[in-house]
Amino acid sequence: MAAAASRPENLTRFCGKHGLCGSSAVISTRLNGHKVWRLITGNFPDRLSAQEAARRLPAHLRALKPWP
């Protein structure tokens, strides 16, 4: 699953606050010509497994609409 931000430290703080850092990575990419940082968490064999994991997240994290 993934989330995005304009600054990597925001994602590092977020994963620490929510206990996601153990299975996460912060990577950079470009979106519409702008550098964007993404938090990738979990290791899933397929999209269906990632979608199921997203459904099991606590409500406050599901409300942020993570994408698998």
PDB file of N, CA and C in Angstrom:
ATOM      1  N   MET A   1       0.844  -1.155   0.000  1.00  0.00           N
ATOM      2  CA  MET A   1       0.000   0.000   0.000  1.00  0.00           C
ATOM      3  C   MET A   1       0.891   1.219   0.000  1.00  0.00           C
ATOM      4  N   ALA A   2       0.319   2.336  -0.381  1.00  0.00           N
ATOM      5  CA  ALA A   2       1.157   3.519  -0.535  1.00  0.00           C
ATOM      6  C   ALA A   2       0.435   4.784  -0.096  1.00  0.00           C
ATOM      7  N   ALA A   3       1.238   5.779   0.242  1.00  0.00           N
ATOM      8  CA  ALA A   3       0.781   7.138   0.530  1.00  0.00           C
ATOM      9  C   ALA A   3       1.829   8.060  -0.073  1.00  0.00           C
ATOM     10  N   ALA A   4       1.491   9.328  -0.281  1.00  0.00           N
ATOM     11  CA  ALA A   4       2.437  10.249  -0.918  1.00  0.00           C
ATOM     12  C   ALA A   4       2.479  11.579  -0.170  1.00  0.00           C
ATOM     13  N   ALA A   5       3.623  12.280  -0.315  1.00  0.00           N
ATOM     14  CA  ALA A   5       3.804  13.601   0.296  1.00  0.00           C
ATOM     15  C   ALA A   5       4.877  14.360  -0.486  1.00  0.00           C
ATOM     16  N   SER A   6       4.937  15.648  -0.267  1.00  0.00           N
ATOM     17  CA  SER A   6       5.929  16.467  -0.963  1.00  0.00           C
ATOM     18  C   SER A   6       7.281  16.476  -0.238  1.00  0.00           C
ATOM     19  N   ARG A   7       7.320  15.994   1.002  1.00  0.00           N
ATOM     20  CA  ARG A   7       8.568  15.969   1.778  1.00  0.00           C
ATOM     21  C   ARG A   7       8.729  14.593   2.430  1.00  0.00           C
ATOM     22  N   PRO A   8       9.905  13.978   2.286  1.00  0.00           N
ATOM     23  CA  PRO A   8      10.088  12.622   2.820  1.00  0.00           C
ATOM     24  C   PRO A   8       9.968  12.554   4.339  1.00  0.00           C
ATOM     25  N   GLU A   9      10.387  13.618   5.032  1.00  0.00           N
ATOM     26  CA  GLU A   9      10.319  13.573   6.496  1.00  0.00           C
ATOM     27  C   GLU A   9       8.875  13.481   7.003  1.00  0.00           C
ATOM     28  N   ASN A  10       7.916  13.986   6.227  1.00  0.00           N
ATOM     29  CA  ASN A  10       6.507  13.853   6.618  1.00  0.00           C
ATOM     30  C   ASN A  10       6.097  12.382   6.623  1.00  0.00           C
ATOM     31  N   LEU A  11       6.561  11.638   5.645  1.00  0.00           N
ATOM     32  CA  LEU A  11       6.232  10.211   5.579  1.00  0.00           C
ATOM     33  C   LEU A  11       6.960   9.415   6.650  1.00  0.00           C
ATOM     34  N   THR A  12       8.194   9.793   6.941  1.00  0.00           N
ATOM     35  CA  THR A  12       8.949   9.122   7.999  1.00  0.00           C
ATOM     36  C   THR A  12       8.260   9.318   9.342  1.00  0.00           C
ATOM     37  N   ARG A  13       7.816  10.544   9.609  1.00  0.00           N
ATOM     38  CA  ARG A  13       7.078  10.824  10.843  1.00  0.00           C
ATOM     39  C   ARG A  13       5.773  10.030  10.889  1.00  0.00           C
ATOM     40  N   PHE A  14       5.068  10.000   9.756  1.00  0.00           N
ATOM     41  CA  PHE A  14       3.794   9.290   9.673  1.00  0.00           C
ATOM     42  C   PHE A  14       3.975   7.806   9.967  1.00  0.00           C
ATOM     43  N   CYS A  15       4.968   7.173   9.345  1.00  0.00           N
ATOM     44  CA  CYS A  15       5.135   5.730   9.567  1.00  0.00           C
ATOM     45  C   CYS A  15       5.551   5.456  11.011  1.00  0.00           C
ATOM     46  N   GLY A  16       6.344   6.347  11.615  1.00  0.00           N
ATOM     47  CA  GLY A  16       6.715   6.177  13.015  1.00  0.00           C
ATOM     48  C   GLY A  16       5.526   6.312  13.942  1.00  0.00           C
ATOM     49  N   LYS A  17       4.687   7.294  13.676  1.00  0.00           N
ATOM     50  CA  LYS A  17       3.503   7.543  14.508  1.00  0.00           C
ATOM     51  C   LYS A  17       2.533   6.364  14.476  1.00  0.00           C
ATOM     52  N   HIS A  18       2.446   5.697  13.317  1.00  0.00           N
ATOM     53  CA  HIS A  18       1.462   4.633  13.152  1.00  0.00           C
ATOM     54  C   HIS A  18       2.070   3.232  13.173  1.00  0.00           C
ATOM     55  N   GLY A  19       3.361   3.133  13.524  1.00  0.00           N
ATOM     56  CA  GLY A  19       3.995   1.823  13.650  1.00  0.00           C
ATOM     57  C   GLY A  19       4.136   1.068  12.337  1.00  0.00           C
ATOM     58  N   LEU A  20       4.372   1.773  11.249  1.00  0.00           N
ATOM     59  CA  LEU A  20       4.466   1.148   9.935  1.00  0.00           C
ATOM     60  C   LEU A  20       5.891   1.044   9.408  1.00  0.00           C
ATOM     61  N   CYS A  21       6.859   1.538  10.124  1.00  0.00           N
ATOM     62  CA  CYS A  21       8.221   1.651   9.592  1.00  0.00           C
ATOM     63  C   CYS A  21       8.922   0.312   9.380  1.00  0.00           C
ATOM     64  N   GLY A  22       8.551  -0.705  10.111  1.00  0.00           N
ATOM     65  CA  GLY A  22       9.242  -1.984  10.000  1.00  0.00           C
ATOM     66  C   GLY A  22       9.166  -2.608   8.627  1.00  0.00           C
ATOM     67  N   SER A  23       8.069  -2.424   7.936  1.00  0.00           N
ATOM     68  CA  SER A  23       7.902  -3.034   6.611  1.00  0.00           C
ATOM     69  C   SER A  23       7.674  -1.967   5.546  1.00  0.00           C
ATOM     70  N   SER A  24       8.302  -0.791   5.723  1.00  0.00           N
ATOM     71  CA  SER A  24       8.050   0.326   4.817  1.00  0.00           C
ATOM     72  C   SER A  24       9.331   0.856   4.182  1.00  0.00           C
ATOM     73  N   ALA A  25       9.129   1.579   3.093  1.00  0.00           N
ATOM     74  CA  ALA A  25      10.225   2.287   2.428  1.00  0.00           C
ATOM     75  C   ALA A  25       9.683   3.610   1.909  1.00  0.00           C
ATOM     76  N   VAL A  26      10.513   4.642   1.942  1.00  0.00           N
ATOM     77  CA  VAL A  26      10.168   5.934   1.363  1.00  0.00           C
ATOM     78  C   VAL A  26      10.983   6.066   0.081  1.00  0.00           C
ATOM     79  N   ILE A  27      10.289   6.250  -1.033  1.00  0.00           N
ATOM     80  CA  ILE A  27      10.956   6.360  -2.330  1.00  0.00           C
ATOM     81  C   ILE A  27      10.527   7.655  -3.013  1.00  0.00           C
ATOM     82  N   SER A  28      11.337   8.120  -3.947  1.00  0.00           N
ATOM     83  CA  SER A  28      10.972   9.328  -4.691  1.00  0.00           C
ATOM     84  C   SER A  28      10.563   8.953  -6.105  1.00  0.00           C
ATOM     85  N   THR A  29       9.671   9.760  -6.658  1.00  0.00           N
ATOM     86  CA  THR A  29       9.204   9.578  -8.023  1.00  0.00           C
ATOM     87  C   THR A  29       8.814  10.947  -8.573  1.00  0.00           C
ATOM     88  N   ARG A  30       8.460  11.010  -9.813  1.00  0.00           N
ATOM     89  CA  ARG A  30       8.011  12.265 -10.414  1.00  0.00           C
ATOM     90  C   ARG A  30       6.543  12.131 -10.791  1.00  0.00           C
ATOM     91  N   LEU A  31       5.788  13.176 -10.520  1.00  0.00           N
ATOM     92  CA  LEU A  31       4.378  13.226 -10.859  1.00  0.00           C
ATOM     93  C   LEU A  31       4.096  14.608 -11.433  1.00  0.00           C
ATOM     94  N   ASN A  32       3.690  14.662 -12.671  1.00  0.00           N
ATOM     95  CA  ASN A  32       3.438  15.929 -13.363  1.00  0.00           C
ATOM     96  C   ASN A  32       4.632  16.878 -13.275  1.00  0.00           C
ATOM     97  N   GLY A  33       5.824  16.332 -13.394  1.00  0.00           N
ATOM     98  CA  GLY A  33       7.038  17.129 -13.382  1.00  0.00           C
ATOM     99  C   GLY A  33       7.540  17.527 -12.006  1.00  0.00           C
ATOM    100  N   HIS A  34       6.873  17.107 -10.959  1.00  0.00           N
ATOM    101  CA  HIS A  34       7.269  17.449  -9.590  1.00  0.00           C
ATOM    102  C   HIS A  34       7.737  16.203  -8.854  1.00  0.00           C
ATOM    103  N   LYS A  35       8.748  16.381  -8.020  1.00  0.00           N
ATOM    104  CA  LYS A  35       9.232  15.261  -7.203  1.00  0.00           C
ATOM    105  C   LYS A  35       8.217  15.001  -6.094  1.00  0.00           C
ATOM    106  N   VAL A  36       7.850  13.753  -5.954  1.00  0.00           N
ATOM    107  CA  VAL A  36       6.889  13.316  -4.939  1.00  0.00           C
ATOM    108  C   VAL A  36       7.518  12.146  -4.195  1.00  0.00           C
ATOM    109  N   TRP A  37       7.302  12.106  -2.906  1.00  0.00           N
ATOM    110  CA  TRP A  37       7.809  11.012  -2.077  1.00  0.00           C
ATOM    111  C   TRP A  37       6.654  10.087  -1.743  1.00  0.00           C
ATOM    112  N   ARG A  38       6.918   8.785  -1.803  1.00  0.00           N
ATOM    113  CA  ARG A  38       5.879   7.796  -1.516  1.00  0.00           C
ATOM    114  C   ARG A  38       6.322   6.868  -0.397  1.00  0.00           C
ATOM    115  N   LEU A  39       5.383   6.560   0.455  1.00  0.00           N
ATOM    116  CA  LEU A  39       5.596   5.584   1.514  1.00  0.00           C
ATOM    117  C   LEU A  39       4.976   4.279   1.031  1.00  0.00           C
ATOM    118  N   ILE A  40       5.796   3.286   0.857  1.00  0.00           N
ATOM    119  CA  ILE A  40       5.337   1.960   0.434  1.00  0.00           C
ATOM    120  C   ILE A  40       5.450   1.062   1.657  1.00  0.00           C
ATOM    121  N   THR A  41       4.353   0.401   2.005  1.00  0.00           N
ATOM    122  CA  THR A  41       4.378  -0.445   3.188  1.00  0.00           C
ATOM    123  C   THR A  41       3.790  -1.815   2.878  1.00  0.00           C
ATOM    124  N   GLY A  42       4.400  -2.815   3.437  1.00  0.00           N
ATOM    125  CA  GLY A  42       3.932  -4.190   3.243  1.00  0.00           C
ATOM    126  C   GLY A  42       4.554  -4.842   2.018  1.00  0.00           C
ATOM    127  N   ASN A  43       4.487  -6.144   2.003  1.00  0.00           N
ATOM    128  CA  ASN A  43       4.974  -6.944   0.890  1.00  0.00           C
ATOM    129  C   ASN A  43       3.892  -7.976   0.600  1.00  0.00           C
ATOM    130  N   PHE A  44       3.240  -7.832  -0.541  1.00  0.00           N
ATOM    131  CA  PHE A  44       2.079  -8.659  -0.850  1.00  0.00           C
ATOM    132  C   PHE A  44       2.302  -9.415  -2.150  1.00  0.00           C
ATOM    133  N   PRO A  45       1.833 -10.659  -2.221  1.00  0.00           N
ATOM    134  CA  PRO A  45       2.048 -11.449  -3.432  1.00  0.00           C
ATOM    135  C   PRO A  45       1.235 -10.971  -4.630  1.00  0.00           C
ATOM    136  N   ASP A  46       0.133 -10.244  -4.363  1.00  0.00           N
ATOM    137  CA  ASP A  46      -0.696  -9.766  -5.466  1.00  0.00           C
ATOM    138  C   ASP A  46      -1.569  -8.604  -4.973  1.00  0.00           C
ATOM    139  N   ARG A  47      -2.238  -7.954  -5.908  1.00  0.00           N
ATOM    140  CA  ARG A  47      -3.064  -6.786  -5.595  1.00  0.00           C
ATOM    141  C   ARG A  47      -4.216  -7.143  -4.646  1.00  0.00           C
ATOM    142  N   LEU A  48      -4.825  -8.285  -4.860  1.00  0.00           N
ATOM    143  CA  LEU A  48      -5.934  -8.701  -4.009  1.00  0.00           C
ATOM    144  C   LEU A  48      -5.508  -8.793  -2.543  1.00  0.00           C
ATOM    145  N   SER A  49      -4.333  -9.323  -2.291  1.00  0.00           N
ATOM    146  CA  SER A  49      -3.822  -9.420  -0.923  1.00  0.00           C
ATOM    147  C   SER A  49      -3.593  -8.035  -0.322  1.00  0.00           C
ATOM    148  N   ALA A  50      -3.093  -7.108  -1.118  1.00  0.00           N
ATOM    149  CA  ALA A  50      -2.881  -5.738  -0.645  1.00  0.00           C
ATOM    150  C   ALA A  50      -4.212  -5.057  -0.356  1.00  0.00           C
ATOM    151  N   GLN A  51      -5.206  -5.288  -1.190  1.00  0.00           N
ATOM    152  CA  GLN A  51      -6.528  -4.702  -0.958  1.00  0.00           C
ATOM    153  C   GLN A  51      -7.134  -5.240   0.335  1.00  0.00           C
ATOM    154  N   GLU A  52      -6.970  -6.518   0.580  1.00  0.00           N
ATOM    155  CA  GLU A  52      -7.490  -7.113   1.817  1.00  0.00           C
ATOM    156  C   GLU A  52      -6.782  -6.522   3.033  1.00  0.00           C
ATOM    157  N   ALA A  53      -5.484  -6.337   2.945  1.00  0.00           N
ATOM    158  CA  ALA A  53      -4.738  -5.727   4.052  1.00  0.00           C
ATOM    159  C   ALA A  53      -5.215  -4.294   4.294  1.00  0.00           C
ATOM    160  N   ALA A  54      -5.520  -3.568   3.241  1.00  0.00           N
ATOM    161  CA  ALA A  54      -6.021  -2.192   3.383  1.00  0.00           C
ATOM    162  C   ALA A  54      -7.364  -2.189   4.113  1.00  0.00           C
ATOM    163  N   ARG A  55      -8.198  -3.171   3.837  1.00  0.00           N
ATOM    164  CA  ARG A  55      -9.502  -3.253   4.518  1.00  0.00           C
ATOM    165  C   ARG A  55      -9.356  -3.557   6.008  1.00  0.00           C
ATOM    166  N   ARG A  56      -8.229  -4.184   6.394  1.00  0.00           N
ATOM    167  CA  ARG A  56      -8.006  -4.546   7.804  1.00  0.00           C
ATOM    168  C   ARG A  56      -7.296  -3.445   8.601  1.00  0.00           C
ATOM    169  N   LEU A  57      -6.911  -2.358   7.943  1.00  0.00           N
ATOM    170  CA  LEU A  57      -6.260  -1.264   8.668  1.00  0.00           C
ATOM    171  C   LEU A  57      -7.212  -0.650   9.680  1.00  0.00           C
ATOM    172  N   PRO A  58      -6.681  -0.035  10.727  1.00  0.00           N
ATOM    173  CA  PRO A  58      -7.552   0.688  11.659  1.00  0.00           C
ATOM    174  C   PRO A  58      -8.325   1.784  10.907  1.00  0.00           C
ATOM    175  N   ALA A  59      -9.493   2.122  11.413  1.00  0.00           N
ATOM    176  CA  ALA A  59     -10.377   3.082  10.740  1.00  0.00           C
ATOM    177  C   ALA A  59      -9.684   4.405  10.428  1.00  0.00           C
ATOM    178  N   HIS A  60      -8.854   4.910  11.350  1.00  0.00           N
ATOM    179  CA  HIS A  60      -8.215   6.208  11.108  1.00  0.00           C
ATOM    180  C   HIS A  60      -7.234   6.151   9.942  1.00  0.00           C
ATOM    181  N   LEU A  61      -6.655   4.986   9.654  1.00  0.00           N
ATOM    182  CA  LEU A  61      -5.775   4.848   8.499  1.00  0.00           C
ATOM    183  C   LEU A  61      -6.585   4.570   7.214  1.00  0.00           C
ATOM    184  N   ARG A  62      -7.649   3.795   7.316  1.00  0.00           N
ATOM    185  CA  ARG A  62      -8.511   3.585   6.158  1.00  0.00           C
ATOM    186  C   ARG A  62      -9.117   4.892   5.670  1.00  0.00           C
ATOM    187  N   ALA A  63      -9.391   5.809   6.598  1.00  0.00           N
ATOM    188  CA  ALA A  63      -9.975   7.112   6.243  1.00  0.00           C
ATOM    189  C   ALA A  63      -9.049   7.928   5.350  1.00  0.00           C
ATOM    190  N   LEU A  64      -7.754   7.629   5.372  1.00  0.00           N
ATOM    191  CA  LEU A  64      -6.777   8.337   4.529  1.00  0.00           C
ATOM    192  C   LEU A  64      -6.744   7.774   3.100  1.00  0.00           C
ATOM    193  N   LYS A  65      -7.515   6.731   2.867  1.00  0.00           N
ATOM    194  CA  LYS A  65      -7.652   6.096   1.553  1.00  0.00           C
ATOM    195  C   LYS A  65      -6.312   5.667   0.943  1.00  0.00           C
ATOM    196  N   PRO A  66      -5.597   4.767   1.630  1.00  0.00           N
ATOM    197  CA  PRO A  66      -4.350   4.247   1.053  1.00  0.00           C
ATOM    198  C   PRO A  66      -4.678   3.459  -0.214  1.00  0.00           C
ATOM    199  N   TRP A  67      -3.759   3.449  -1.150  1.00  0.00           N
ATOM    200  CA  TRP A  67      -4.002   2.674  -2.367  1.00  0.00           C
ATOM    201  C   TRP A  67      -3.076   1.479  -2.416  1.00  0.00           C
ATOM    202  N   PRO A  68      -3.679   0.315  -2.704  1.00  0.00           N
ATOM    203  CA  PRO A  68      -2.872  -0.908  -2.800  1.00  0.00           C
ATOM    204  C   PRO A  68      -2.227  -1.032  -4.175  1.00  0.00           C
TER     205      PRO A  68
END
